[in-house]
Amino acid sequence: MAMETELIQENELLTIARALAPEDVAVHQYVTVSRVTEYLTPDDWIEVERGFDRESLVHRVTTIAQNSGYPYRVSRVALPYVLVRDPVGKAHVLDLRRVQLALLPEFFGKAAYMALGNPR
């Protein structure tokens, strides 16, 4: 029994969060926002001279999410939208065209969710 417990703990330590395809998102999963994609227009980054096609100057920038690692629990899915709840019970709608979700391992997601708030 002790050997089996040690193996389970070892496997938990080796488990990683993995990118989640939109079609694989399901109710009751623990997820985190790992990446955010922003679309910058010329007004955001340069002054454009007359004659430039503004549409061709839009830049897509993907960054690591500021709250990466913060756990959410999936409540409902209607692609490309996902309704999630944070650990204190507040609901958020995520647009999967703008964010990349990562699936948290069950043991980690549940522990983090409970440690950070009041799960609902």
C-alpha atoms as a PDB file:
ATOM      1  CA  MET A   1       0.000   0.000   0.000  1.00  0.00           C
ATOM      2  CA  ALA A   2       2.823   2.447   0.864  1.00  0.00           C
ATOM      3  CA  MET A   3       4.547   1.656  -2.456  1.00  0.00           C
ATOM      4  CA  GLU A   4       1.300   2.308  -4.349  1.00  0.00           C
ATOM      5  CA  THR A   5       0.867   5.687  -2.576  1.00  0.00           C
ATOM      6  CA  GLU A   6       4.442   6.675  -3.457  1.00  0.00           C
ATOM      7  CA  LEU A   7       3.826   5.831  -7.132  1.00  0.00           C
ATOM      8  CA  ILE A   8       0.636   7.896  -7.212  1.00  0.00           C
ATOM      9  CA  GLN A   9       2.438  10.868  -5.665  1.00  0.00           C
ATOM     10  CA  GLU A  10       5.314  10.518  -8.136  1.00  0.00           C
ATOM     11  CA  ASN A  11       2.884  10.436 -11.078  1.00  0.00           C
ATOM     12  CA  GLU A  12       1.086  13.526  -9.755  1.00  0.00           C
ATOM     13  CA  LEU A  13       4.363  15.424  -9.626  1.00  0.00           C
ATOM     14  CA  LEU A  14       5.128  14.505 -13.238  1.00  0.00           C
ATOM     15  CA  THR A  15       1.697  15.447 -14.569  1.00  0.00           C
ATOM     16  CA  ILE A  16       1.622  18.712 -16.519  1.00  0.00           C
ATOM     17  CA  ALA A  17      -1.024  21.141 -17.658  1.00  0.00           C
ATOM     18  CA  ARG A  18      -1.584  20.756 -21.386  1.00  0.00           C
ATOM     19  CA  ALA A  19      -3.023  22.951 -24.102  1.00  0.00           C
ATOM     20  CA  LEU A  20      -6.686  22.251 -24.637  1.00  0.00           C
ATOM     21  CA  ALA A  21      -8.276  22.327 -28.096  1.00  0.00           C
ATOM     22  CA  PRO A  22     -11.625  24.162 -28.153  1.00  0.00           C
ATOM     23  CA  GLU A  23     -13.515  20.978 -29.041  1.00  0.00           C
ATOM     24  CA  ASP A  24     -12.026  19.214 -26.000  1.00  0.00           C
ATOM     25  CA  VAL A  25     -13.330  21.710 -23.435  1.00  0.00           C
ATOM     26  CA  ALA A  26     -15.930  20.034 -21.186  1.00  0.00           C
ATOM     27  CA  VAL A  27     -18.065  20.929 -18.186  1.00  0.00           C
ATOM     28  CA  HIS A  28     -16.421  20.380 -14.759  1.00  0.00           C
ATOM     29  CA  GLN A  29     -12.847  20.592 -16.072  1.00  0.00           C
ATOM     30  CA  TYR A  30     -10.313  22.727 -14.223  1.00  0.00           C
ATOM     31  CA  VAL A  31      -8.636  25.057 -16.694  1.00  0.00           C
ATOM     32  CA  THR A  32      -6.390  28.098 -16.784  1.00  0.00           C
ATOM     33  CA  VAL A  33      -5.852  30.770 -19.418  1.00  0.00           C
ATOM     34  CA  SER A  34      -2.325  30.140 -20.677  1.00  0.00           C
ATOM     35  CA  ARG A  35      -2.098  32.557 -23.610  1.00  0.00           C
ATOM     36  CA  VAL A  36      -3.930  35.677 -24.743  1.00  0.00           C
ATOM     37  CA  THR A  37      -4.042  37.013 -28.295  1.00  0.00           C
ATOM     38  CA  GLU A  38      -4.456  40.744 -28.846  1.00  0.00           C
ATOM     39  CA  TYR A  39      -4.984  42.538 -32.138  1.00  0.00           C
ATOM     40  CA  LEU A  40      -3.084  45.825 -32.345  1.00  0.00           C
ATOM     41  CA  THR A  41      -4.172  48.440 -34.853  1.00  0.00           C
ATOM     42  CA  PRO A  42      -1.842  51.094 -36.240  1.00  0.00           C
ATOM     43  CA  ASP A  43      -3.242  53.616 -33.747  1.00  0.00           C
ATOM     44  CA  ASP A  44      -1.885  51.365 -30.994  1.00  0.00           C
ATOM     45  CA  TRP A  45       1.710  51.255 -32.209  1.00  0.00           C
ATOM     46  CA  ILE A  46       2.521  53.840 -34.907  1.00  0.00           C
ATOM     47  CA  GLU A  47       1.202  56.920 -36.582  1.00  0.00           C
ATOM     48  CA  VAL A  48       0.140  55.902 -40.042  1.00  0.00           C
ATOM     49  CA  GLU A  49       0.751  58.213 -42.962  1.00  0.00           C
ATOM     50  CA  ARG A  50      -2.054  58.797 -45.407  1.00  0.00           C
ATOM     51  CA  GLY A  51      -2.318  56.219 -48.120  1.00  0.00           C
ATOM     52  CA  PHE A  52      -1.554  53.140 -45.986  1.00  0.00           C
ATOM     53  CA  ASP A  53      -4.129  50.396 -45.863  1.00  0.00           C
ATOM     54  CA  ARG A  54      -4.907  50.309 -42.132  1.00  0.00           C
ATOM     55  CA  GLU A  55      -6.331  46.771 -42.326  1.00  0.00           C
ATOM     56  CA  SER A  56      -3.046  45.331 -43.598  1.00  0.00           C
ATOM     57  CA  LEU A  57      -1.209  46.875 -40.639  1.00  0.00           C
ATOM     58  CA  VAL A  58      -3.111  45.046 -37.905  1.00  0.00           C
ATOM     59  CA  HIS A  59      -0.716  42.926 -35.858  1.00  0.00           C
ATOM     60  CA  ARG A  60      -1.637  39.859 -33.869  1.00  0.00           C
ATOM     61  CA  VAL A  61       0.363  39.505 -30.660  1.00  0.00           C
ATOM     62  CA  THR A  62       0.163  36.424 -28.431  1.00  0.00           C
ATOM     63  CA  THR A  63       1.489  36.622 -24.886  1.00  0.00           C
ATOM     64  CA  ILE A  64       1.463  34.539 -21.727  1.00  0.00           C
ATOM     65  CA  ALA A  65      -1.684  35.417 -19.791  1.00  0.00           C
ATOM     66  CA  GLN A  66      -1.135  37.674 -16.813  1.00  0.00           C
ATOM     67  CA  ASN A  67      -3.186  35.306 -14.643  1.00  0.00           C
ATOM     68  CA  SER A  68      -1.731  32.131 -16.149  1.00  0.00           C
ATOM     69  CA  GLY A  69      -2.089  29.292 -13.660  1.00  0.00           C
ATOM     70  CA  TYR A  70      -5.163  30.765 -11.947  1.00  0.00           C
ATOM     71  CA  PRO A  71      -7.763  27.981 -11.888  1.00  0.00           C
ATOM     72  CA  TYR A  72     -11.252  28.191 -13.353  1.00  0.00           C
ATOM     73  CA  ARG A  73     -13.935  25.517 -13.436  1.00  0.00           C
ATOM     74  CA  VAL A  74     -15.893  25.102 -16.657  1.00  0.00           C
ATOM     75  CA  SER A  75     -19.656  25.555 -16.166  1.00  0.00           C
ATOM     76  CA  ARG A  76     -20.978  25.611 -19.740  1.00  0.00           C
ATOM     77  CA  VAL A  77     -19.619  25.425 -23.287  1.00  0.00           C
ATOM     78  CA  ALA A  78     -21.044  27.039 -26.448  1.00  0.00           C
ATOM     79  CA  LEU A  79     -18.064  27.293 -28.787  1.00  0.00           C
ATOM     80  CA  PRO A  80     -16.284  29.598 -29.192  1.00  0.00           C
ATOM     81  CA  TYR A  81     -17.482  30.738 -25.750  1.00  0.00           C
ATOM     82  CA  VAL A  82     -16.875  29.059 -22.410  1.00  0.00           C
ATOM     83  CA  LEU A  83     -18.581  30.020 -19.162  1.00  0.00           C
ATOM     84  CA  VAL A  84     -16.223  29.485 -16.225  1.00  0.00           C
ATOM     85  CA  ARG A  85     -16.318  30.222 -12.504  1.00  0.00           C
ATOM     86  CA  ASP A  86     -13.330  31.422 -10.544  1.00  0.00           C
ATOM     87  CA  PRO A  87     -12.583  30.119  -7.039  1.00  0.00           C
ATOM     88  CA  VAL A  88     -14.697  32.824  -5.365  1.00  0.00           C
ATOM     89  CA  GLY A  89     -17.706  31.961  -7.526  1.00  0.00           C
ATOM     90  CA  LYS A  90     -17.589  34.835 -10.011  1.00  0.00           C
ATOM     91  CA  ALA A  91     -18.627  33.891 -13.547  1.00  0.00           C
ATOM     92  CA  HIS A  92     -16.543  34.803 -16.621  1.00  0.00           C
ATOM     93  CA  VAL A  93     -17.156  34.213 -20.328  1.00  0.00           C
ATOM     94  CA  LEU A  94     -13.986  33.345 -22.247  1.00  0.00           C
ATOM     95  CA  ASP A  95     -13.723  33.686 -26.025  1.00  0.00           C
ATOM     96  CA  LEU A  96     -11.555  30.842 -27.313  1.00  0.00           C
ATOM     97  CA  ARG A  97     -10.674  32.862 -30.401  1.00  0.00           C
ATOM     98  CA  ARG A  98      -8.689  35.162 -28.091  1.00  0.00           C
ATOM     99  CA  VAL A  99      -7.468  32.853 -25.332  1.00  0.00           C
ATOM    100  CA  GLN A 100      -5.728  29.480 -25.196  1.00  0.00           C
ATOM    101  CA  LEU A 101      -6.883  27.279 -22.341  1.00  0.00           C
ATOM    102  CA  ALA A 102      -4.743  24.701 -20.613  1.00  0.00           C
ATOM    103  CA  LEU A 103      -6.269  21.713 -18.845  1.00  0.00           C
ATOM    104  CA  LEU A 104      -5.069  21.475 -15.259  1.00  0.00           C
ATOM    105  CA  PRO A 105      -4.542  18.013 -13.796  1.00  0.00           C
ATOM    106  CA  GLU A 106      -7.577  17.150 -11.644  1.00  0.00           C
ATOM    107  CA  PHE A 107      -5.646  16.891  -8.357  1.00  0.00           C
ATOM    108  CA  PHE A 108      -3.926  20.259  -8.916  1.00  0.00           C
ATOM    109  CA  GLY A 109      -6.933  22.101 -10.301  1.00  0.00           C
ATOM    110  CA  LYS A 110      -9.195  21.013  -7.464  1.00  0.00           C
ATOM    111  CA  ALA A 111      -6.590  21.790  -4.773  1.00  0.00           C
ATOM    112  CA  ALA A 112      -5.796  25.239  -6.225  1.00  0.00           C
ATOM    113  CA  TYR A 113      -9.476  26.067  -6.741  1.00  0.00           C
ATOM    114  CA  MET A 114     -10.338  25.169  -3.165  1.00  0.00           C
ATOM    115  CA  ALA A 115      -7.265  26.887  -1.696  1.00  0.00           C
ATOM    116  CA  LEU A 116      -8.013  30.182  -3.479  1.00  0.00           C
ATOM    117  CA  GLY A 117     -11.675  30.544  -2.577  1.00  0.00           C
ATOM    118  CA  ASN A 118     -15.056  29.109  -1.935  1.00  0.00           C
ATOM    119  CA  PRO A 119     -15.929  26.586  -4.699  1.00  0.00           C
ATOM    120  CA  ARG A 120     -19.510  26.442  -5.969  1.00  0.00           C
END
